[in-house]
Amino acid sequence: MTAIRLLLADDDALVRAGLVLMLGGTPDIEVVGEAADGTEVVPLVERHRPDVVLMDIRMPRMDGLTATEQLRRRPDPPEVVVLTTFNTDDHLLRALRVGAAGFLLKDTPPAEIIAAVRRVAAGDPILSPVVIRQLIARVVDEEADARRTAGRDRLAALSGRELDVAMAVARGWSNSEIAKELHLGVPTVKAHVSRILAKLSLNNRVQIALLARDAGVTS
């Protein structure tokens, strides 16, 4: 069985020594080089041709994300697992966007780090459970923001009075309740509701309520 060739990139010599001790004792993983800075990564990759690079984020002169981006632009690049103490959304998303195949926190148990290296070398991306939950939360937030923006853009097509009626519909009020609150006749309210449905390409009052909720304008 051919061993997985691994390059370590971390500016902390103690961290590198610990990783070498942990990973070097694994029969199917061979640590072929160590980089103390992002600028050293590309030359070491050219020299040692690793299958996987275990990459720290915060390093002097060139950070690990920039080094990852440079590597992934090259022909036949190694896979990169970002290993860091930082788990912010920006770091996570940038790491994934520049081509990292994995993102693990440094407090990840050794067995999981070893498993991640193996999986990435086999072509399977890997994220720690904490990172997966964080990414899902970020996506959900972004989808909610997108729905809010789209909803408000659609509601902008309504006149002021139509918007008042739409908000009342979203609160679950009947036509008679809306008429009383807005000092309108019931036929006028019905006419407004019909125009709202037509303008927004909706089918019923429930859809008006859902759109208002997406837009974040209901109380």
C-alpha atoms as a PDB file:
ATOM      1  CA  MET A   1       0.000   0.000   0.000  1.00  0.00           C
ATOM      2  CA  THR A   2       1.366   3.425  -0.976  1.00  0.00           C
ATOM      3  CA  ALA A   3       1.549   5.841   1.943  1.00  0.00           C
ATOM      4  CA  ILE A   4      -0.263   9.171   1.811  1.00  0.00           C
ATOM      5  CA  ARG A   5       2.334  11.891   1.349  1.00  0.00           C
ATOM      6  CA  LEU A   6       1.608  14.753   3.758  1.00  0.00           C
ATOM      7  CA  LEU A   7       3.011  18.275   4.014  1.00  0.00           C
ATOM      8  CA  LEU A   8       2.554  20.259   7.242  1.00  0.00           C
ATOM      9  CA  ALA A   9       2.257  24.052   7.187  1.00  0.00           C
ATOM     10  CA  ASP A  10       2.215  25.789  10.579  1.00  0.00           C
ATOM     11  CA  ASP A  11       4.350  28.578  11.996  1.00  0.00           C
ATOM     12  CA  ASP A  12       4.406  26.982  15.474  1.00  0.00           C
ATOM     13  CA  ALA A  13       7.296  24.514  15.680  1.00  0.00           C
ATOM     14  CA  LEU A  14       5.722  22.770  18.673  1.00  0.00           C
ATOM     15  CA  VAL A  15       2.488  22.221  16.770  1.00  0.00           C
ATOM     16  CA  ARG A  16       4.411  20.803  13.826  1.00  0.00           C
ATOM     17  CA  ALA A  17       6.384  18.518  16.139  1.00  0.00           C
ATOM     18  CA  GLY A  18       3.175  17.245  17.713  1.00  0.00           C
ATOM     19  CA  LEU A  19       1.625  16.604  14.307  1.00  0.00           C
ATOM     20  CA  VAL A  20       4.745  14.807  13.093  1.00  0.00           C
ATOM     21  CA  LEU A  21       4.680  12.627  16.202  1.00  0.00           C
ATOM     22  CA  MET A  22       0.987  11.882  15.775  1.00  0.00           C
ATOM     23  CA  LEU A  23       0.840  11.413  12.005  1.00  0.00           C
ATOM     24  CA  GLY A  24       4.324  10.040  11.457  1.00  0.00           C
ATOM     25  CA  GLY A  25       3.504   7.005  13.548  1.00  0.00           C
ATOM     26  CA  THR A  26       0.638   6.094  11.234  1.00  0.00           C
ATOM     27  CA  PRO A  27       1.755   3.368   8.782  1.00  0.00           C
ATOM     28  CA  ASP A  28      -0.175   4.754   5.793  1.00  0.00           C
ATOM     29  CA  ILE A  29       0.832   8.426   6.246  1.00  0.00           C
ATOM     30  CA  GLU A  30       4.292   9.827   5.518  1.00  0.00           C
ATOM     31  CA  VAL A  31       5.167  13.397   6.538  1.00  0.00           C
ATOM     32  CA  VAL A  32       7.344  14.549   3.637  1.00  0.00           C
ATOM     33  CA  GLY A  33       7.918  18.180   4.590  1.00  0.00           C
ATOM     34  CA  GLU A  34       7.220  21.061   6.955  1.00  0.00           C
ATOM     35  CA  ALA A  35       6.525  24.714   6.139  1.00  0.00           C
ATOM     36  CA  ALA A  36       6.788  27.445   8.773  1.00  0.00           C
ATOM     37  CA  ASP A  37       5.143  30.068   6.571  1.00  0.00           C
ATOM     38  CA  GLY A  38       2.696  30.282   3.684  1.00  0.00           C
ATOM     39  CA  THR A  39       5.449  31.425   1.321  1.00  0.00           C
ATOM     40  CA  GLU A  40       7.246  28.108   1.814  1.00  0.00           C
ATOM     41  CA  VAL A  41       4.274  25.962   0.846  1.00  0.00           C
ATOM     42  CA  VAL A  42       4.410  26.141  -2.959  1.00  0.00           C
ATOM     43  CA  PRO A  43       8.188  25.433  -3.205  1.00  0.00           C
ATOM     44  CA  LEU A  44       7.840  22.500  -0.799  1.00  0.00           C
ATOM     45  CA  VAL A  45       4.895  21.135  -2.768  1.00  0.00           C
ATOM     46  CA  GLU A  46       6.955  21.340  -5.946  1.00  0.00           C
ATOM     47  CA  ARG A  47       9.803  19.504  -4.237  1.00  0.00           C
ATOM     48  CA  HIS A  48       7.934  16.778  -2.356  1.00  0.00           C
ATOM     49  CA  ARG A  49       4.700  16.316  -4.359  1.00  0.00           C
ATOM     50  CA  PRO A  50       2.459  15.656  -1.335  1.00  0.00           C
ATOM     51  CA  ASP A  51      -1.024  14.221  -1.680  1.00  0.00           C
ATOM     52  CA  VAL A  52      -2.374  16.346   1.168  1.00  0.00           C
ATOM     53  CA  VAL A  53      -1.336  19.587   2.848  1.00  0.00           C
ATOM     54  CA  LEU A  54      -2.378  20.177   6.450  1.00  0.00           C
ATOM     55  CA  MET A  55      -2.554  23.973   6.499  1.00  0.00           C
ATOM     56  CA  ASP A  56      -2.697  26.454   9.365  1.00  0.00           C
ATOM     57  CA  ILE A  57      -4.504  29.741   8.674  1.00  0.00           C
ATOM     58  CA  ARG A  58      -2.565  32.356  10.614  1.00  0.00           C
ATOM     59  CA  MET A  59       1.065  32.424   9.518  1.00  0.00           C
ATOM     60  CA  PRO A  60       3.503  35.320   8.970  1.00  0.00           C
ATOM     61  CA  ARG A  61       4.079  36.872   5.544  1.00  0.00           C
ATOM     62  CA  MET A  62       1.460  34.696   3.849  1.00  0.00           C
ATOM     63  CA  ASP A  63      -1.569  33.170   5.554  1.00  0.00           C
ATOM     64  CA  GLY A  64      -2.745  29.650   4.909  1.00  0.00           C
ATOM     65  CA  LEU A  65      -5.829  30.675   2.944  1.00  0.00           C
ATOM     66  CA  THR A  66      -3.744  32.639   0.446  1.00  0.00           C
ATOM     67  CA  ALA A  67      -1.323  29.720   0.187  1.00  0.00           C
ATOM     68  CA  THR A  68      -4.261  27.365  -0.375  1.00  0.00           C
ATOM     69  CA  GLU A  69      -5.597  29.583  -3.142  1.00  0.00           C
ATOM     70  CA  GLN A  70      -2.186  29.598  -4.841  1.00  0.00           C
ATOM     71  CA  LEU A  71      -1.904  25.823  -4.580  1.00  0.00           C
ATOM     72  CA  ARG A  72      -5.371  25.131  -5.948  1.00  0.00           C
ATOM     73  CA  ARG A  73      -4.627  27.227  -9.042  1.00  0.00           C
ATOM     74  CA  ARG A  74      -1.765  24.915  -9.976  1.00  0.00           C
ATOM     75  CA  PRO A  75      -2.142  21.855 -12.209  1.00  0.00           C
ATOM     76  CA  ASP A  76      -2.744  18.631 -10.284  1.00  0.00           C
ATOM     77  CA  PRO A  77      -2.681  20.331  -6.871  1.00  0.00           C
ATOM     78  CA  PRO A  78      -2.624  18.460  -3.549  1.00  0.00           C
ATOM     79  CA  GLU A  79      -5.730  18.409  -1.410  1.00  0.00           C
ATOM     80  CA  VAL A  80      -5.712  20.873   1.479  1.00  0.00           C
ATOM     81  CA  VAL A  81      -7.093  20.378   4.969  1.00  0.00           C
ATOM     82  CA  VAL A  82      -7.233  23.623   6.912  1.00  0.00           C
ATOM     83  CA  LEU A  83      -6.375  23.008  10.570  1.00  0.00           C
ATOM     84  CA  THR A  84      -6.844  26.034  12.793  1.00  0.00           C
ATOM     85  CA  THR A  85      -7.919  27.459  16.120  1.00  0.00           C
ATOM     86  CA  PHE A  86     -10.157  29.939  14.280  1.00  0.00           C
ATOM     87  CA  ASN A  87     -13.701  28.875  13.371  1.00  0.00           C
ATOM     88  CA  THR A  88     -15.249  32.137  12.198  1.00  0.00           C
ATOM     89  CA  ASP A  89     -17.692  32.131   9.299  1.00  0.00           C
ATOM     90  CA  ASP A  90     -15.369  34.245   7.162  1.00  0.00           C
ATOM     91  CA  HIS A  91     -12.452  31.829   7.576  1.00  0.00           C
ATOM     92  CA  LEU A  92     -14.648  28.830   6.908  1.00  0.00           C
ATOM     93  CA  LEU A  93     -16.305  30.205   3.808  1.00  0.00           C
ATOM     94  CA  ARG A  94     -13.101  31.593   2.353  1.00  0.00           C
ATOM     95  CA  ALA A  95     -11.316  28.280   2.933  1.00  0.00           C
ATOM     96  CA  LEU A  96     -14.039  26.431   1.059  1.00  0.00           C
ATOM     97  CA  ARG A  97     -14.186  29.003  -1.723  1.00  0.00           C
ATOM     98  CA  VAL A  98     -10.453  28.845  -2.420  1.00  0.00           C
ATOM     99  CA  GLY A  99     -10.585  25.073  -2.697  1.00  0.00           C
ATOM    100  CA  ALA A 100      -9.849  23.533   0.705  1.00  0.00           C
ATOM    101  CA  ALA A 101     -11.220  20.000   0.928  1.00  0.00           C
ATOM    102  CA  GLY A 102     -11.461  20.042   4.700  1.00  0.00           C
ATOM    103  CA  PHE A 103     -11.632  22.387   7.664  1.00  0.00           C
ATOM    104  CA  LEU A 104     -10.768  21.065  11.135  1.00  0.00           C
ATOM    105  CA  LEU A 105     -10.220  22.790  14.460  1.00  0.00           C
ATOM    106  CA  LYS A 106      -6.931  22.166  16.254  1.00  0.00           C
ATOM    107  CA  ASP A 107      -8.745  20.660  19.224  1.00  0.00           C
ATOM    108  CA  THR A 108     -10.065  17.899  16.961  1.00  0.00           C
ATOM    109  CA  PRO A 109      -9.094  14.491  18.435  1.00  0.00           C
ATOM    110  CA  PRO A 110      -5.987  12.950  16.792  1.00  0.00           C
ATOM    111  CA  ALA A 111      -7.911   9.966  15.453  1.00  0.00           C
ATOM    112  CA  GLU A 112     -10.299  12.309  13.627  1.00  0.00           C
ATOM    113  CA  ILE A 113      -7.415  14.296  12.111  1.00  0.00           C
ATOM    114  CA  ILE A 114      -5.849  11.062  10.844  1.00  0.00           C
ATOM    115  CA  ALA A 115      -9.207   9.938   9.450  1.00  0.00           C
ATOM    116  CA  ALA A 116      -9.655  13.314   7.759  1.00  0.00           C
ATOM    117  CA  VAL A 117      -6.277  13.058   6.026  1.00  0.00           C
ATOM    118  CA  ARG A 118      -7.192   9.620   4.754  1.00  0.00           C
ATOM    119  CA  ARG A 119     -10.618  10.679   3.540  1.00  0.00           C
ATOM    120  CA  VAL A 120      -9.323  13.778   1.767  1.00  0.00           C
ATOM    121  CA  ALA A 121      -6.550  11.766   0.112  1.00  0.00           C
ATOM    122  CA  ALA A 122      -9.276   9.417  -1.154  1.00  0.00           C
ATOM    123  CA  GLY A 123     -11.163  12.355  -2.652  1.00  0.00           C
ATOM    124  CA  ASP A 124     -13.801  12.848   0.036  1.00  0.00           C
ATOM    125  CA  PRO A 125     -14.185  16.337   1.508  1.00  0.00           C
ATOM    126  CA  ILE A 126     -14.294  16.536   5.302  1.00  0.00           C
ATOM    127  CA  LEU A 127     -15.645  19.064   7.789  1.00  0.00           C
ATOM    128  CA  SER A 128     -15.796  18.735  11.556  1.00  0.00           C
ATOM    129  CA  PRO A 129     -19.306  18.474  13.051  1.00  0.00           C
ATOM    130  CA  VAL A 130     -18.909  21.911  14.643  1.00  0.00           C
ATOM    131  CA  VAL A 131     -18.011  23.420  11.279  1.00  0.00           C
ATOM    132  CA  ILE A 132     -20.880  21.640   9.509  1.00  0.00           C
ATOM    133  CA  ARG A 133     -23.387  23.060  12.003  1.00  0.00           C
ATOM    134  CA  GLN A 134     -21.852  26.505  11.590  1.00  0.00           C
ATOM    135  CA  LEU A 135     -21.983  26.307   7.806  1.00  0.00           C
ATOM    136  CA  ILE A 136     -25.601  25.162   7.827  1.00  0.00           C
ATOM    137  CA  ALA A 137     -26.521  28.027  10.150  1.00  0.00           C
ATOM    138  CA  ARG A 138     -24.758  30.484   7.852  1.00  0.00           C
ATOM    139  CA  VAL A 139     -26.552  29.124   4.770  1.00  0.00           C
ATOM    140  CA  VAL A 140     -29.905  29.293   6.560  1.00  0.00           C
ATOM    141  CA  ASP A 141     -29.190  32.888   7.551  1.00  0.00           C
ATOM    142  CA  GLU A 142     -28.201  33.791   4.010  1.00  0.00           C
ATOM    143  CA  GLU A 143     -31.328  32.142   2.609  1.00  0.00           C
ATOM    144  CA  ALA A 144     -33.454  34.066   5.099  1.00  0.00           C
ATOM    145  CA  ASP A 145     -31.733  37.297   4.059  1.00  0.00           C
ATOM    146  CA  ALA A 146     -32.362  36.472   0.410  1.00  0.00           C
ATOM    147  CA  ARG A 147     -36.042  35.758   1.080  1.00  0.00           C
ATOM    148  CA  ARG A 148     -36.373  38.987   3.051  1.00  0.00           C
ATOM    149  CA  THR A 149     -34.829  41.058   0.266  1.00  0.00           C
ATOM    150  CA  ALA A 150     -36.897  39.355  -2.437  1.00  0.00           C
ATOM    151  CA  GLY A 151     -40.080  39.733  -0.386  1.00  0.00           C
ATOM    152  CA  ARG A 152     -39.541  43.423   0.224  1.00  0.00           C
ATOM    153  CA  ASP A 153     -38.779  43.984  -3.449  1.00  0.00           C
ATOM    154  CA  ARG A 154     -42.102  42.360  -4.377  1.00  0.00           C
ATOM    155  CA  LEU A 155     -44.066  44.324  -1.789  1.00  0.00           C
ATOM    156  CA  ALA A 156     -42.578  47.539  -3.170  1.00  0.00           C
ATOM    157  CA  ALA A 157     -44.912  47.100  -6.168  1.00  0.00           C
ATOM    158  CA  LEU A 158     -47.904  47.843  -3.955  1.00  0.00           C
ATOM    159  CA  SER A 159     -49.373  51.250  -3.265  1.00  0.00           C
ATOM    160  CA  GLY A 160     -49.431  52.526   0.291  1.00  0.00           C
ATOM    161  CA  ARG A 161     -53.052  51.520   0.855  1.00  0.00           C
ATOM    162  CA  GLU A 162     -52.511  48.115  -0.760  1.00  0.00           C
ATOM    163  CA  LEU A 163     -49.578  47.535   1.560  1.00  0.00           C
ATOM    164  CA  ASP A 164     -51.765  48.408   4.554  1.00  0.00           C
ATOM    165  CA  VAL A 165     -54.330  45.851   3.398  1.00  0.00           C
ATOM    166  CA  ALA A 166     -51.629  43.250   2.747  1.00  0.00           C
ATOM    167  CA  MET A 167     -50.247  43.685   6.269  1.00  0.00           C
ATOM    168  CA  ALA A 168     -53.747  43.319   7.697  1.00  0.00           C
ATOM    169  CA  VAL A 169     -54.272  40.153   5.673  1.00  0.00           C
ATOM    170  CA  ALA A 170     -50.953  38.853   7.001  1.00  0.00           C
ATOM    171  CA  ARG A 171     -52.244  39.373  10.537  1.00  0.00           C
ATOM    172  CA  GLY A 172     -55.175  37.119   9.740  1.00  0.00           C
ATOM    173  CA  TRP A 173     -57.848  39.798   9.748  1.00  0.00           C
ATOM    174  CA  SER A 174     -61.084  39.280   7.868  1.00  0.00           C
ATOM    175  CA  ASN A 175     -62.284  41.713   5.209  1.00  0.00           C
ATOM    176  CA  SER A 176     -64.739  43.250   7.645  1.00  0.00           C
ATOM    177  CA  GLU A 177     -62.021  43.685  10.296  1.00  0.00           C
ATOM    178  CA  ILE A 178     -59.725  45.303   7.729  1.00  0.00           C
ATOM    179  CA  ALA A 179     -62.548  47.580   6.563  1.00  0.00           C
ATOM    180  CA  LYS A 180     -63.234  48.720  10.115  1.00  0.00           C
ATOM    181  CA  GLU A 181     -59.557  49.284  10.982  1.00  0.00           C
ATOM    182  CA  LEU A 182     -58.701  51.144   7.756  1.00  0.00           C
ATOM    183  CA  HIS A 183     -62.038  52.973   7.476  1.00  0.00           C
ATOM    184  CA  LEU A 184     -62.878  51.371   4.150  1.00  0.00           C
ATOM    185  CA  GLY A 185     -65.892  49.622   2.753  1.00  0.00           C
ATOM    186  CA  VAL A 186     -65.800  45.835   2.555  1.00  0.00           C
ATOM    187  CA  PRO A 187     -66.124  45.905  -1.278  1.00  0.00           C
ATOM    188  CA  THR A 188     -63.134  48.253  -1.386  1.00  0.00           C
ATOM    189  CA  VAL A 189     -61.113  45.873   0.774  1.00  0.00           C
ATOM    190  CA  LYS A 190     -62.044  42.983  -1.515  1.00  0.00           C
ATOM    191  CA  ALA A 191     -60.935  45.028  -4.520  1.00  0.00           C
ATOM    192  CA  HIS A 192     -57.591  45.805  -2.842  1.00  0.00           C
ATOM    193  CA  VAL A 193     -57.042  42.149  -2.025  1.00  0.00           C
ATOM    194  CA  SER A 194     -57.751  41.175  -5.633  1.00  0.00           C
ATOM    195  CA  ARG A 195     -55.278  43.785  -6.905  1.00  0.00           C
ATOM    196  CA  ILE A 196     -52.636  42.632  -4.409  1.00  0.00           C
ATOM    197  CA  LEU A 197     -52.997  39.029  -5.565  1.00  0.00           C
ATOM    198  CA  ALA A 198     -52.738  40.078  -9.193  1.00  0.00           C
ATOM    199  CA  LYS A 199     -49.755  42.409  -8.704  1.00  0.00           C
ATOM    200  CA  LEU A 200     -47.793  39.857  -6.675  1.00  0.00           C
ATOM    201  CA  SER A 201     -48.829  36.820  -8.761  1.00  0.00           C
ATOM    202  CA  LEU A 202     -50.251  35.094  -5.697  1.00  0.00           C
ATOM    203  CA  ASN A 203     -53.185  32.711  -5.449  1.00  0.00           C
ATOM    204  CA  ASN A 204     -54.680  33.340  -2.036  1.00  0.00           C
ATOM    205  CA  ARG A 205     -54.508  35.246   1.256  1.00  0.00           C
ATOM    206  CA  VAL A 206     -52.231  32.654   2.843  1.00  0.00           C
ATOM    207  CA  GLN A 207     -49.597  33.410   0.227  1.00  0.00           C
ATOM    208  CA  ILE A 208     -49.879  37.113   1.055  1.00  0.00           C
ATOM    209  CA  ALA A 209     -49.214  36.274   4.703  1.00  0.00           C
ATOM    210  CA  LEU A 210     -46.237  34.065   3.818  1.00  0.00           C
ATOM    211  CA  LEU A 211     -44.728  36.746   1.616  1.00  0.00           C
ATOM    212  CA  ALA A 212     -45.093  39.336   4.364  1.00  0.00           C
ATOM    213  CA  ARG A 213     -43.434  36.958   6.821  1.00  0.00           C
ATOM    214  CA  ASP A 214     -40.538  36.335   4.425  1.00  0.00           C
ATOM    215  CA  ALA A 215     -40.165  40.090   3.978  1.00  0.00           C
ATOM    216  CA  GLY A 216     -39.997  40.503   7.744  1.00  0.00           C
ATOM    217  CA  VAL A 217     -42.689  43.186   7.826  1.00  0.00           C
ATOM    218  CA  THR A 218     -45.295  41.445   9.967  1.00  0.00           C
ATOM    219  CA  SER A 219     -45.678  42.323  13.623  1.00  0.00           C
END
